[in-house]
C-alpha atoms as a PDB file:
ATOM      1  CA  MET A   1     -14.492  -8.294  -6.150  1.00  0.00           C
ATOM      2  CA  LEU A   2     -13.097  -8.189  -9.683  1.00  0.00           C
ATOM      3  CA  PHE A   3     -14.445  -5.585 -12.067  1.00  0.00           C
ATOM      4  CA  ARG A   4     -16.106  -7.039 -15.172  1.00  0.00           C
ATOM      5  CA  SER A   5     -13.221  -6.136 -17.514  1.00  0.00           C
ATOM      6  CA  GLU A   6     -10.637  -7.649 -15.170  1.00  0.00           C
ATOM      7  CA  ALA A   7     -12.711 -10.803 -14.706  1.00  0.00           C
ATOM      8  CA  MET A   8     -12.913 -11.209 -18.486  1.00  0.00           C
ATOM      9  CA  ARG A   9      -9.165 -10.678 -18.834  1.00  0.00           C
ATOM     10  CA  VAL A  10      -8.416 -13.312 -16.190  1.00  0.00           C
ATOM     11  CA  SER A  11     -10.838 -15.744 -17.817  1.00  0.00           C
ATOM     12  CA  GLU A  12      -9.240 -15.250 -21.245  1.00  0.00           C
ATOM     13  CA  GLN A  13      -5.728 -15.769 -19.857  1.00  0.00           C
ATOM     14  CA  LEU A  14      -6.748 -18.968 -18.124  1.00  0.00           C
ATOM     15  CA  ARG A  15      -8.291 -20.328 -21.344  1.00  0.00           C
ATOM     16  CA  SER A  16      -5.283 -19.340 -23.456  1.00  0.00           C
ATOM     17  CA  ASN A  17      -2.350 -20.023 -21.128  1.00  0.00           C
ATOM     18  CA  GLY A  18      -3.696 -22.012 -18.228  1.00  0.00           C
ATOM     19  CA  ARG A  19      -2.423 -19.323 -15.826  1.00  0.00           C
ATOM     20  CA  VAL A  20      -2.793 -15.629 -15.065  1.00  0.00           C
ATOM     21  CA  SER A  21       0.109 -13.253 -15.721  1.00  0.00           C
ATOM     22  CA  ARG A  22       0.243  -9.928 -13.898  1.00  0.00           C
ATOM     23  CA  GLY A  23       2.468  -6.909 -14.427  1.00  0.00           C
ATOM     24  CA  ARG A  24       4.968  -5.320 -12.081  1.00  0.00           C
ATOM     25  CA  ILE A  25       7.274  -2.276 -12.266  1.00  0.00           C
ATOM     26  CA  GLY A  26       9.332  -2.592  -9.069  1.00  0.00           C
ATOM     27  CA  VAL A  27       8.475   0.333  -6.801  1.00  0.00           C
ATOM     28  CA  GLN A  28       7.573   0.725  -3.136  1.00  0.00           C
ATOM     29  CA  ILE A  29       4.845   3.316  -2.715  1.00  0.00           C
ATOM     30  CA  ALA A  30       3.164   5.400  -0.024  1.00  0.00           C
ATOM     31  CA  PRO A  31       0.303   7.916   0.235  1.00  0.00           C
ATOM     32  CA  VAL A  32       0.747  11.604  -0.546  1.00  0.00           C
ATOM     33  CA  THR A  33      -0.410  13.717   2.393  1.00  0.00           C
ATOM     34  CA  LYS A  34      -2.254  17.008   1.998  1.00  0.00           C
ATOM     35  CA  GLU A  35       0.611  18.816   3.754  1.00  0.00           C
ATOM     36  CA  VAL A  36       3.210  17.329   1.400  1.00  0.00           C
ATOM     37  CA  ALA A  37       1.072  18.018  -1.665  1.00  0.00           C
ATOM     38  CA  GLU A  38       0.684  21.664  -0.684  1.00  0.00           C
ATOM     39  CA  SER A  39       4.348  22.102   0.198  1.00  0.00           C
ATOM     40  CA  ILE A  40       5.640  20.796  -3.143  1.00  0.00           C
ATOM     41  CA  GLY A  41       3.038  22.482  -5.312  1.00  0.00           C
ATOM     42  CA  LEU A  42       1.133  19.353  -6.341  1.00  0.00           C
ATOM     43  CA  GLY A  43      -2.141  21.053  -5.525  1.00  0.00           C
ATOM     44  CA  LYS A  44      -4.072  18.227  -3.928  1.00  0.00           C
ATOM     45  CA  ALA A  45      -3.214  14.951  -2.209  1.00  0.00           C
ATOM     46  CA  GLN A  46      -3.196  12.451  -5.056  1.00  0.00           C
ATOM     47  CA  GLY A  47      -0.978   9.895  -6.722  1.00  0.00           C
ATOM     48  CA  ALA A  48       1.456   7.346  -5.304  1.00  0.00           C
ATOM     49  CA  LEU A  49       4.660   8.541  -3.663  1.00  0.00           C
ATOM     50  CA  VAL A  50       7.619   6.391  -4.707  1.00  0.00           C
ATOM     51  CA  ARG A  51       9.503   5.451  -1.534  1.00  0.00           C
ATOM     52  CA  GLY A  52      11.960   3.144  -3.249  1.00  0.00           C
ATOM     53  CA  VAL A  53      12.891   1.697  -6.645  1.00  0.00           C
ATOM     54  CA  GLU A  54      14.172  -1.861  -7.045  1.00  0.00           C
ATOM     55  CA  ALA A  55      17.570  -2.181  -8.681  1.00  0.00           C
ATOM     56  CA  GLY A  56      17.293  -3.359 -12.284  1.00  0.00           C
ATOM     57  CA  SER A  57      13.503  -3.015 -12.266  1.00  0.00           C
ATOM     58  CA  PRO A  58      11.378  -1.585 -15.089  1.00  0.00           C
ATOM     59  CA  ALA A  59      10.887   1.552 -12.971  1.00  0.00           C
ATOM     60  CA  GLU A  60      14.634   2.125 -12.624  1.00  0.00           C
ATOM     61  CA  LYS A  61      15.170   1.549 -16.343  1.00  0.00           C
ATOM     62  CA  ALA A  62      12.389   4.059 -17.113  1.00  0.00           C
ATOM     63  CA  GLY A  63      14.056   6.715 -14.962  1.00  0.00           C
ATOM     64  CA  ILE A  64      11.592   6.750 -12.064  1.00  0.00           C
ATOM     65  CA  GLU A  65      13.252   8.011  -8.883  1.00  0.00           C
ATOM     66  CA  ALA A  66      12.543   7.765  -5.171  1.00  0.00           C
ATOM     67  CA  GLY A  67      10.542  10.859  -4.268  1.00  0.00           C
ATOM     68  CA  ASP A  68       8.638  10.941  -7.559  1.00  0.00           C
ATOM     69  CA  ILE A  69       4.852  10.976  -7.333  1.00  0.00           C
ATOM     70  CA  ILE A  70       3.148   8.807  -9.947  1.00  0.00           C
ATOM     71  CA  THR A  71      -0.031  10.633 -11.013  1.00  0.00           C
ATOM     72  CA  ARG A  72      -0.953   8.714 -14.189  1.00  0.00           C
ATOM     73  CA  PHE A  73      -0.235   5.238 -15.508  1.00  0.00           C
ATOM     74  CA  ASP A  74      -1.161   4.145 -19.026  1.00  0.00           C
ATOM     75  CA  GLY A  75      -3.629   7.021 -19.283  1.00  0.00           C
ATOM     76  CA  LYS A  76      -5.299   6.207 -15.952  1.00  0.00           C
ATOM     77  CA  THR A  77      -5.310   8.776 -13.149  1.00  0.00           C
ATOM     78  CA  ILE A  78      -3.712   7.525  -9.932  1.00  0.00           C
ATOM     79  CA  GLU A  79      -5.755   9.101  -7.141  1.00  0.00           C
ATOM     80  CA  LYS A  80      -4.389   6.962  -4.279  1.00  0.00           C
ATOM     81  CA  PRO A  81      -1.568   4.413  -3.839  1.00  0.00           C
ATOM     82  CA  ALA A  82      -3.894   1.401  -4.214  1.00  0.00           C
ATOM     83  CA  ASP A  83      -4.755   2.530  -7.763  1.00  0.00           C
ATOM     84  CA  LEU A  84      -1.208   1.925  -8.996  1.00  0.00           C
ATOM     85  CA  PRO A  85      -0.773  -1.807  -8.225  1.00  0.00           C
ATOM     86  CA  ARG A  86      -4.225  -2.403  -9.705  1.00  0.00           C
ATOM     87  CA  ALA A  87      -3.379  -0.544 -12.913  1.00  0.00           C
ATOM     88  CA  VAL A  88       0.046  -2.193 -13.233  1.00  0.00           C
ATOM     89  CA  GLY A  89      -1.286  -5.647 -12.390  1.00  0.00           C
ATOM     90  CA  ASN A  90      -3.927  -5.369 -15.105  1.00  0.00           C
ATOM     91  CA  THR A  91      -1.361  -4.389 -17.748  1.00  0.00           C
ATOM     92  CA  LYS A  92      -0.074  -7.151 -19.979  1.00  0.00           C
ATOM     93  CA  PRO A  93       3.605  -7.911 -19.228  1.00  0.00           C
ATOM     94  CA  GLY A  94       5.830  -6.646 -22.030  1.00  0.00           C
ATOM     95  CA  SER A  95       3.599  -3.660 -22.757  1.00  0.00           C
ATOM     96  CA  LYS A  96       5.259  -0.261 -23.075  1.00  0.00           C
ATOM     97  CA  VAL A  97       3.105   2.406 -21.434  1.00  0.00           C
ATOM     98  CA  GLY A  98       3.340   6.033 -20.415  1.00  0.00           C
ATOM     99  CA  VAL A  99       3.822   7.098 -16.798  1.00  0.00           C
ATOM    100  CA  MET A 100       3.342  10.651 -15.555  1.00  0.00           C
ATOM    101  CA  VAL A 101       5.397  11.609 -12.517  1.00  0.00           C
ATOM    102  CA  PHE A 102       5.498  14.813 -10.508  1.00  0.00           C
ATOM    103  CA  ARG A 103       9.112  15.681  -9.705  1.00  0.00           C
ATOM    104  CA  ARG A 104      10.543  18.803  -8.101  1.00  0.00           C
ATOM    105  CA  GLY A 105       7.648  21.077  -8.960  1.00  0.00           C
ATOM    106  CA  GLY A 106       6.773  19.807 -12.429  1.00  0.00           C
ATOM    107  CA  SER A 107       5.286  16.870 -14.306  1.00  0.00           C
ATOM    108  CA  LYS A 108       7.401  14.560 -16.430  1.00  0.00           C
ATOM    109  CA  GLU A 109       6.270  11.886 -18.899  1.00  0.00           C
ATOM    110  CA  LEU A 110       8.231   8.631 -18.918  1.00  0.00           C
ATOM    111  CA  ASN A 111       7.827   5.354 -20.788  1.00  0.00           C
ATOM    112  CA  ILE A 112       8.026   2.056 -18.954  1.00  0.00           C
ATOM    113  CA  THR A 113       7.996  -1.568 -20.093  1.00  0.00           C
ATOM    114  CA  VAL A 114       5.949  -3.616 -17.660  1.00  0.00           C
ATOM    115  CA  ALA A 115       7.536  -6.848 -16.450  1.00  0.00           C
ATOM    116  CA  GLU A 116       5.792 -10.003 -15.251  1.00  0.00           C
ATOM    117  CA  ILE A 117       5.501 -10.960 -11.609  1.00  0.00           C
ATOM    118  CA  GLU A 118       7.501 -14.141 -11.156  1.00  0.00           C
ATOM    119  CA  ALA A 119       5.394 -17.129 -10.156  1.00  0.00           C
ATOM    120  CA  GLU A 120       7.111 -17.493  -6.789  1.00  0.00           C
ATOM    121  CA  LYS A 121       6.428 -13.825  -5.952  1.00  0.00           C
ATOM    122  CA  VAL A 122       2.740 -14.299  -6.726  1.00  0.00           C
ATOM    123  CA  ALA A 123       2.694 -17.313  -4.420  1.00  0.00           C
ATOM    124  CA  VAL A 124       4.294 -15.294  -1.610  1.00  0.00           C
ATOM    125  CA  ALA A 125       1.869 -12.428  -1.953  1.00  0.00           C
ATOM    126  CA  GLU A 126      -1.332 -14.488  -2.093  1.00  0.00           C
ATOM    127  CA  PRO A 127      -1.532 -15.518   1.604  1.00  0.00           C
ATOM    128  CA  GLU A 128      -1.877 -11.896   2.726  1.00  0.00           C
ATOM    129  CA  LYS A 129      -5.004 -11.776   4.860  1.00  0.00           C
ATOM    130  CA  LYS A 130      -6.988  -8.572   5.058  1.00  0.00           C
ATOM    131  CA  ALA A 131      -9.414  -8.425   7.915  1.00  0.00           C
ATOM    132  CA  GLN A 132     -11.783  -6.042   9.587  1.00  0.00           C
ATOM    133  CA  THR A 133     -11.727  -7.798  12.928  1.00  0.00           C
ATOM    134  CA  PRO A 134     -14.464  -7.155  15.523  1.00  0.00           C
ATOM    135  CA  SER A 135     -12.155  -5.077  17.719  1.00  0.00           C
ATOM    136  CA  GLY A 136     -10.547  -3.369  14.740  1.00  0.00           C
ATOM    137  CA  GLN A 137     -13.972  -2.315  13.503  1.00  0.00           C
ATOM    138  CA  HIS A 138     -14.614  -0.516  16.795  1.00  0.00           C
ATOM    139  CA  PHE A 139     -11.496   1.617  16.220  1.00  0.00           C
ATOM    140  CA  GLY A 140     -12.023   2.014  12.466  1.00  0.00           C
ATOM    141  CA  LEU A 141      -9.111  -0.193  11.396  1.00  0.00           C
ATOM    142  CA  VAL A 142      -8.738  -2.802   8.675  1.00  0.00           C
ATOM    143  CA  VAL A 143      -5.353  -4.523   8.804  1.00  0.00           C
ATOM    144  CA  SER A 144      -3.482  -7.328   7.060  1.00  0.00           C
ATOM    145  CA  ASP A 145      -0.731  -9.740   8.009  1.00  0.00           C
ATOM    146  CA  LEU A 146       2.745  -9.104   6.584  1.00  0.00           C
ATOM    147  CA  THR A 147       4.289 -11.807   4.426  1.00  0.00           C
ATOM    148  CA  ASP A 148       7.785 -13.066   5.267  1.00  0.00           C
ATOM    149  CA  GLU A 149       9.037 -11.206   2.189  1.00  0.00           C
ATOM    150  CA  GLN A 150       7.486  -7.934   3.379  1.00  0.00           C
ATOM    151  CA  LYS A 151       8.978  -8.343   6.863  1.00  0.00           C
ATOM    152  CA  LYS A 152      12.398  -8.898   5.329  1.00  0.00           C
ATOM    153  CA  GLU A 153      12.030  -5.907   3.011  1.00  0.00           C
ATOM    154  CA  LEU A 154      10.791  -3.638   5.800  1.00  0.00           C
ATOM    155  CA  ARG A 155      13.261  -5.056   8.336  1.00  0.00           C
ATOM    156  CA  VAL A 156      10.641  -5.784  10.971  1.00  0.00           C
ATOM    157  CA  LYS A 157       9.954  -8.922  12.981  1.00  0.00           C
ATOM    158  CA  GLY A 158       6.213  -8.414  13.241  1.00  0.00           C
ATOM    159  CA  GLY A 159       3.448  -5.898  12.903  1.00  0.00           C
ATOM    160  CA  VAL A 160       0.370  -5.577  10.713  1.00  0.00           C
ATOM    161  CA  ARG A 161      -0.262  -3.289   7.743  1.00  0.00           C
ATOM    162  CA  VAL A 162      -3.104  -0.782   7.836  1.00  0.00           C
ATOM    163  CA  GLU A 163      -5.327  -1.319   4.809  1.00  0.00           C
ATOM    164  CA  ALA A 164      -7.901   1.285   5.853  1.00  0.00           C
ATOM    165  CA  ALA A 165      -8.306   3.739   8.728  1.00  0.00           C
ATOM    166  CA  THR A 166     -11.554   5.544   9.526  1.00  0.00           C
ATOM    167  CA  ASP A 167     -13.330   7.001  12.560  1.00  0.00           C
ATOM    168  CA  ALA A 168     -11.172   6.994  15.724  1.00  0.00           C
ATOM    169  CA  ALA A 169      -8.093   5.630  13.927  1.00  0.00           C
ATOM    170  CA  ALA A 170      -8.278   8.305  11.229  1.00  0.00           C
ATOM    171  CA  ARG A 171      -8.727  11.039  13.834  1.00  0.00           C
ATOM    172  CA  ALA A 172      -5.545   9.774  15.514  1.00  0.00           C
ATOM    173  CA  GLY A 173      -3.664  10.263  12.242  1.00  0.00           C
ATOM    174  CA  ILE A 174      -3.314   6.604  11.273  1.00  0.00           C
ATOM    175  CA  ARG A 175      -3.608   5.978   7.555  1.00  0.00           C
ATOM    176  CA  GLU A 176      -3.397   3.288   4.909  1.00  0.00           C
ATOM    177  CA  GLY A 177       0.094   1.883   4.543  1.00  0.00           C
ATOM    178  CA  ASP A 178       1.173   2.460   8.160  1.00  0.00           C
ATOM    179  CA  LEU A 179       2.544  -0.479  10.123  1.00  0.00           C
ATOM    180  CA  ILE A 180       1.163  -1.076  13.596  1.00  0.00           C
ATOM    181  CA  LEU A 181       3.965  -2.479  15.740  1.00  0.00           C
ATOM    182  CA  ALA A 182       2.467  -2.266  19.239  1.00  0.00           C
ATOM    183  CA  ILE A 183      -0.759  -1.375  21.010  1.00  0.00           C
ATOM    184  CA  ALA A 184      -0.846  -0.311  24.665  1.00  0.00           C
ATOM    185  CA  ASN A 185       2.782  -1.459  25.007  1.00  0.00           C
ATOM    186  CA  SER A 186       1.932  -4.962  23.717  1.00  0.00           C
ATOM    187  CA  GLU A 187       3.813  -6.108  20.614  1.00  0.00           C
ATOM    188  CA  VAL A 188       1.628  -6.891  17.597  1.00  0.00           C
ATOM    189  CA  THR A 189       2.823  -9.780  15.420  1.00  0.00           C
ATOM    190  CA  SER A 190      -0.312 -10.812  13.521  1.00  0.00           C
ATOM    191  CA  VAL A 191      -3.917  -9.887  12.738  1.00  0.00           C
ATOM    192  CA  LYS A 192      -5.077 -12.464  15.301  1.00  0.00           C
ATOM    193  CA  GLU A 193      -2.927 -10.898  18.024  1.00  0.00           C
ATOM    194  CA  PHE A 194      -3.951  -7.391  16.952  1.00  0.00           C
ATOM    195  CA  ASP A 195      -7.604  -8.275  17.557  1.00  0.00           C
ATOM    196  CA  LEU A 196      -6.836 -10.007  20.853  1.00  0.00           C
ATOM    197  CA  ILE A 197      -4.949  -6.977  22.211  1.00  0.00           C
ATOM    198  CA  LEU A 198      -7.617  -4.503  21.108  1.00  0.00           C
ATOM    199  CA  SER A 199     -10.351  -6.649  22.655  1.00  0.00           C
ATOM    200  CA  LYS A 200      -8.703  -6.220  26.059  1.00  0.00           C
ATOM    201  CA  VAL A 201      -7.941  -2.490  26.053  1.00  0.00           C
ATOM    202  CA  ASP A 202     -10.071  -0.048  28.021  1.00  0.00           C
ATOM    203  CA  LYS A 203     -12.170   1.519  25.258  1.00  0.00           C
ATOM    204  CA  SER A 204     -13.166   4.421  27.500  1.00  0.00           C
ATOM    205  CA  ARG A 205      -9.565   5.689  27.606  1.00  0.00           C
ATOM    206  CA  ALA A 206      -7.022   6.787  25.006  1.00  0.00           C
ATOM    207  CA  THR A 207      -5.017   3.858  23.611  1.00  0.00           C
ATOM    208  CA  SER A 208      -1.374   4.265  22.604  1.00  0.00           C
ATOM    209  CA  VAL A 209      -0.372   2.791  19.254  1.00  0.00           C
ATOM    210  CA  LEU A 210       3.198   2.518  17.970  1.00  0.00           C
ATOM    211  CA  ILE A 211       3.224   2.924  14.197  1.00  0.00           C
ATOM    212  CA  ARG A 212       5.913   2.998  11.573  1.00  0.00           C
ATOM    213  CA  ARG A 213       5.542   5.204   8.535  1.00  0.00           C
ATOM    214  CA  GLY A 214       8.325   4.912   6.027  1.00  0.00           C
ATOM    215  CA  ASN A 215      11.520   4.602   8.032  1.00  0.00           C
ATOM    216  CA  GLU A 216      10.206   6.478  11.061  1.00  0.00           C
ATOM    217  CA  ALA A 217       8.298   5.212  14.102  1.00  0.00           C
ATOM    218  CA  GLU A 218       5.967   7.313  16.216  1.00  0.00           C
ATOM    219  CA  TYR A 219       3.290   6.957  18.862  1.00  0.00           C
ATOM    220  CA  VAL A 220      -0.281   8.079  18.280  1.00  0.00           C
ATOM    221  CA  LEU A 221      -3.262   8.036  20.613  1.00  0.00           C
ATOM    222  CA  ILE A 222      -6.610   6.582  19.558  1.00  0.00           C
ATOM    223  CA  ARG A 223      -9.200   8.390  21.634  1.00  0.00           C
ATOM    224  CA  PRO A 224     -12.762   7.212  22.364  1.00  0.00           C
ATOM    225  CA  ALA A 225     -15.551   9.026  20.554  1.00  0.00           C
ATOM    226  CA  ARG A 226     -17.081  11.794  22.622  1.00  0.00           C
END
């Protein structure tokens, strides 16, 4: 659901321009774990870890580097990765704003000029379907389909993206942003297939899940609640 201020902004843009323009800066992001935060001196798990920077993007031009942790954007605190796309998307393209990054033990203030998401990229991103399927709910998972563009970027043929992980899934170590590639040795290619596979597994036993986090794949076990 849109917040009131965002709804007003969208309404004004539609009246003025007949379309909605959204900002982009060109970074791939991931969560900051508690272990990582402690090891690098960040203090607490917060911000958005920059996994990659698009060539020629506003982020690259501003000096943002892979490995930076974005902790503030345009004066807004970035507590978790999802906060960044929201803040950037609600910034008017062409605006020059401040970005605070944590890099190698210290904070650094940078200035970035927000670009506009091209119309075709908006169209590609819109079909993404987020779903808390019946079976996924049992395991504490909300997942979404990957767009063709995301599959190409991530170099995967299938899988679903974890939008939220609670309960059994969280206890297994699964978290937002992970890709689920297989469950109980069955390949997962879509949200529909994800739900079908989970509906058939023996919920009284531990279920193996192949996930990919960043460039690394690993198996985790989702165990039934005791």
